[in-house]
């Protein structure tokens, strides 16, 4: 364990920036979703990529406590975006 106030190691910096890039990428995908909607071909490609080539048809079960079901993947994705909980899975 590092002493409080000391800089991160090279490996810790790589991990730190890797997680920031992932969140920024997720944030960008959410912006595209908000601007163009789920029917946009680019948004659909992102959804397909996230789901191994097939966008799940609803209803969607999720890991979200208290909100386990969504009518479709689009609604689920908007939920993640608005709550900034980008990495919740179905």
C-alpha atoms as a PDB file:
ATOM      1  CA  UNK A   1       0.000   0.000   0.000  1.00  0.00           C
ATOM      2  CA  UNK A   2       1.201   3.473  -0.865  1.00  0.00           C
ATOM      3  CA  UNK A   3       1.462   6.280   1.649  1.00  0.00           C
ATOM      4  CA  UNK A   4      -1.405   8.793   1.462  1.00  0.00           C
ATOM      5  CA  UNK A   5      -0.437  11.804  -0.635  1.00  0.00           C
ATOM      6  CA  UNK A   6       2.152   9.967  -2.745  1.00  0.00           C
ATOM      7  CA  UNK A   7       1.725   9.695  -6.520  1.00  0.00           C
ATOM      8  CA  UNK A   8       0.411   6.544  -8.130  1.00  0.00           C
ATOM      9  CA  UNK A   9       2.827   3.964  -9.488  1.00  0.00           C
ATOM     10  CA  UNK A  10       3.115   3.544 -13.266  1.00  0.00           C
ATOM     11  CA  UNK A  11       0.806   0.526 -13.127  1.00  0.00           C
ATOM     12  CA  UNK A  12      -1.703   2.388 -10.948  1.00  0.00           C
ATOM     13  CA  UNK A  13      -1.692   5.317 -13.397  1.00  0.00           C
ATOM     14  CA  UNK A  14      -2.371   2.964 -16.312  1.00  0.00           C
ATOM     15  CA  UNK A  15      -5.343   1.495 -14.436  1.00  0.00           C
ATOM     16  CA  UNK A  16      -6.569   4.946 -13.385  1.00  0.00           C
ATOM     17  CA  UNK A  17      -6.561   6.320 -16.933  1.00  0.00           C
ATOM     18  CA  UNK A  18      -7.945   3.095 -18.404  1.00  0.00           C
ATOM     19  CA  UNK A  19     -11.047   3.455 -16.221  1.00  0.00           C
ATOM     20  CA  UNK A  20     -11.403   7.139 -17.135  1.00  0.00           C
ATOM     21  CA  UNK A  21     -11.262   6.328 -20.846  1.00  0.00           C
ATOM     22  CA  UNK A  22     -13.919   3.647 -20.394  1.00  0.00           C
ATOM     23  CA  UNK A  23     -16.250   6.051 -18.579  1.00  0.00           C
ATOM     24  CA  UNK A  24     -15.632   8.774 -21.169  1.00  0.00           C
ATOM     25  CA  UNK A  25     -16.411   6.327 -23.952  1.00  0.00           C
ATOM     26  CA  UNK A  26     -19.617   5.281 -22.209  1.00  0.00           C
ATOM     27  CA  UNK A  27     -20.527   8.924 -21.708  1.00  0.00           C
ATOM     28  CA  UNK A  28     -19.977   9.579 -25.420  1.00  0.00           C
ATOM     29  CA  UNK A  29     -22.191   6.620 -26.350  1.00  0.00           C
ATOM     30  CA  UNK A  30     -24.883   8.051 -24.058  1.00  0.00           C
ATOM     31  CA  UNK A  31     -24.615  11.427 -25.755  1.00  0.00           C
ATOM     32  CA  UNK A  32     -25.104   9.756 -29.154  1.00  0.00           C
ATOM     33  CA  UNK A  33     -28.115   7.879 -27.767  1.00  0.00           C
ATOM     34  CA  UNK A  34     -29.627  11.109 -26.413  1.00  0.00           C
ATOM     35  CA  UNK A  35     -29.029  13.017 -29.651  1.00  0.00           C
ATOM     36  CA  UNK A  36     -30.081  10.385 -32.172  1.00  0.00           C
ATOM     37  CA  UNK A  37     -32.193   7.796 -30.329  1.00  0.00           C
ATOM     38  CA  UNK A  38     -32.049   4.037 -30.342  1.00  0.00           C
ATOM     39  CA  UNK A  39     -33.059   3.698 -33.993  1.00  0.00           C
ATOM     40  CA  UNK A  40     -29.896   5.429 -35.203  1.00  0.00           C
ATOM     41  CA  UNK A  41     -27.661   2.942 -37.059  1.00  0.00           C
ATOM     42  CA  UNK A  42     -24.550   3.927 -35.064  1.00  0.00           C
ATOM     43  CA  UNK A  43     -26.373   3.528 -31.742  1.00  0.00           C
ATOM     44  CA  UNK A  44     -27.739   0.180 -32.905  1.00  0.00           C
ATOM     45  CA  UNK A  45     -24.224  -0.980 -33.825  1.00  0.00           C
ATOM     46  CA  UNK A  46     -23.016  -0.018 -30.348  1.00  0.00           C
ATOM     47  CA  UNK A  47     -25.926  -1.932 -28.793  1.00  0.00           C
ATOM     48  CA  UNK A  48     -25.189  -4.948 -30.967  1.00  0.00           C
ATOM     49  CA  UNK A  49     -21.511  -4.808 -30.052  1.00  0.00           C
ATOM     50  CA  UNK A  50     -22.374  -4.685 -26.353  1.00  0.00           C
ATOM     51  CA  UNK A  51     -24.608  -7.746 -26.751  1.00  0.00           C
ATOM     52  CA  UNK A  52     -22.435  -9.956 -28.967  1.00  0.00           C
ATOM     53  CA  UNK A  53     -24.188  -9.051 -32.200  1.00  0.00           C
ATOM     54  CA  UNK A  54     -27.868  -9.099 -31.198  1.00  0.00           C
ATOM     55  CA  UNK A  55     -29.864  -6.370 -29.450  1.00  0.00           C
ATOM     56  CA  UNK A  56     -31.976  -8.149 -26.806  1.00  0.00           C
ATOM     57  CA  UNK A  57     -35.712  -7.873 -27.221  1.00  0.00           C
ATOM     58  CA  UNK A  58     -37.653  -6.861 -24.114  1.00  0.00           C
ATOM     59  CA  UNK A  59     -38.394  -7.225 -21.376  1.00  0.00           C
ATOM     60  CA  UNK A  60     -34.897  -6.839 -19.962  1.00  0.00           C
ATOM     61  CA  UNK A  61     -33.839  -8.141 -16.551  1.00  0.00           C
ATOM     62  CA  UNK A  62     -30.990  -6.225 -14.949  1.00  0.00           C
ATOM     63  CA  UNK A  63     -28.690  -6.014 -11.947  1.00  0.00           C
ATOM     64  CA  UNK A  64     -30.356  -2.745 -10.874  1.00  0.00           C
ATOM     65  CA  UNK A  65     -31.623  -3.076  -7.286  1.00  0.00           C
ATOM     66  CA  UNK A  66     -35.245  -1.995  -7.028  1.00  0.00           C
ATOM     67  CA  UNK A  67     -35.643  -1.733 -10.812  1.00  0.00           C
ATOM     68  CA  UNK A  68     -35.012  -5.227 -12.119  1.00  0.00           C
ATOM     69  CA  UNK A  69     -37.115  -5.043 -15.324  1.00  0.00           C
ATOM     70  CA  UNK A  70     -37.152  -2.723 -18.322  1.00  0.00           C
ATOM     71  CA  UNK A  71     -39.520  -2.995 -21.316  1.00  0.00           C
ATOM     72  CA  UNK A  72     -36.619  -3.088 -23.825  1.00  0.00           C
ATOM     73  CA  UNK A  73     -32.880  -2.610 -24.182  1.00  0.00           C
ATOM     74  CA  UNK A  74     -33.285   0.999 -25.299  1.00  0.00           C
ATOM     75  CA  UNK A  75     -35.111   1.929 -22.078  1.00  0.00           C
ATOM     76  CA  UNK A  76     -32.491   0.089 -20.046  1.00  0.00           C
ATOM     77  CA  UNK A  77     -29.681   1.945 -21.840  1.00  0.00           C
ATOM     78  CA  UNK A  78     -31.340   5.319 -21.288  1.00  0.00           C
ATOM     79  CA  UNK A  79     -31.688   4.446 -17.597  1.00  0.00           C
ATOM     80  CA  UNK A  80     -27.961   3.703 -17.360  1.00  0.00           C
ATOM     81  CA  UNK A  81     -27.129   6.930 -19.145  1.00  0.00           C
ATOM     82  CA  UNK A  82     -29.346   9.189 -17.070  1.00  0.00           C
ATOM     83  CA  UNK A  83     -28.058   7.661 -13.830  1.00  0.00           C
ATOM     84  CA  UNK A  84     -24.429   7.601 -15.073  1.00  0.00           C
ATOM     85  CA  UNK A  85     -24.258   3.945 -14.105  1.00  0.00           C
ATOM     86  CA  UNK A  86     -22.679   2.956 -17.400  1.00  0.00           C
ATOM     87  CA  UNK A  87     -21.548  -0.542 -16.554  1.00  0.00           C
ATOM     88  CA  UNK A  88     -24.737  -2.089 -15.169  1.00  0.00           C
ATOM     89  CA  UNK A  89     -25.411  -5.320 -17.010  1.00  0.00           C
ATOM     90  CA  UNK A  90     -28.542  -7.116 -18.160  1.00  0.00           C
END
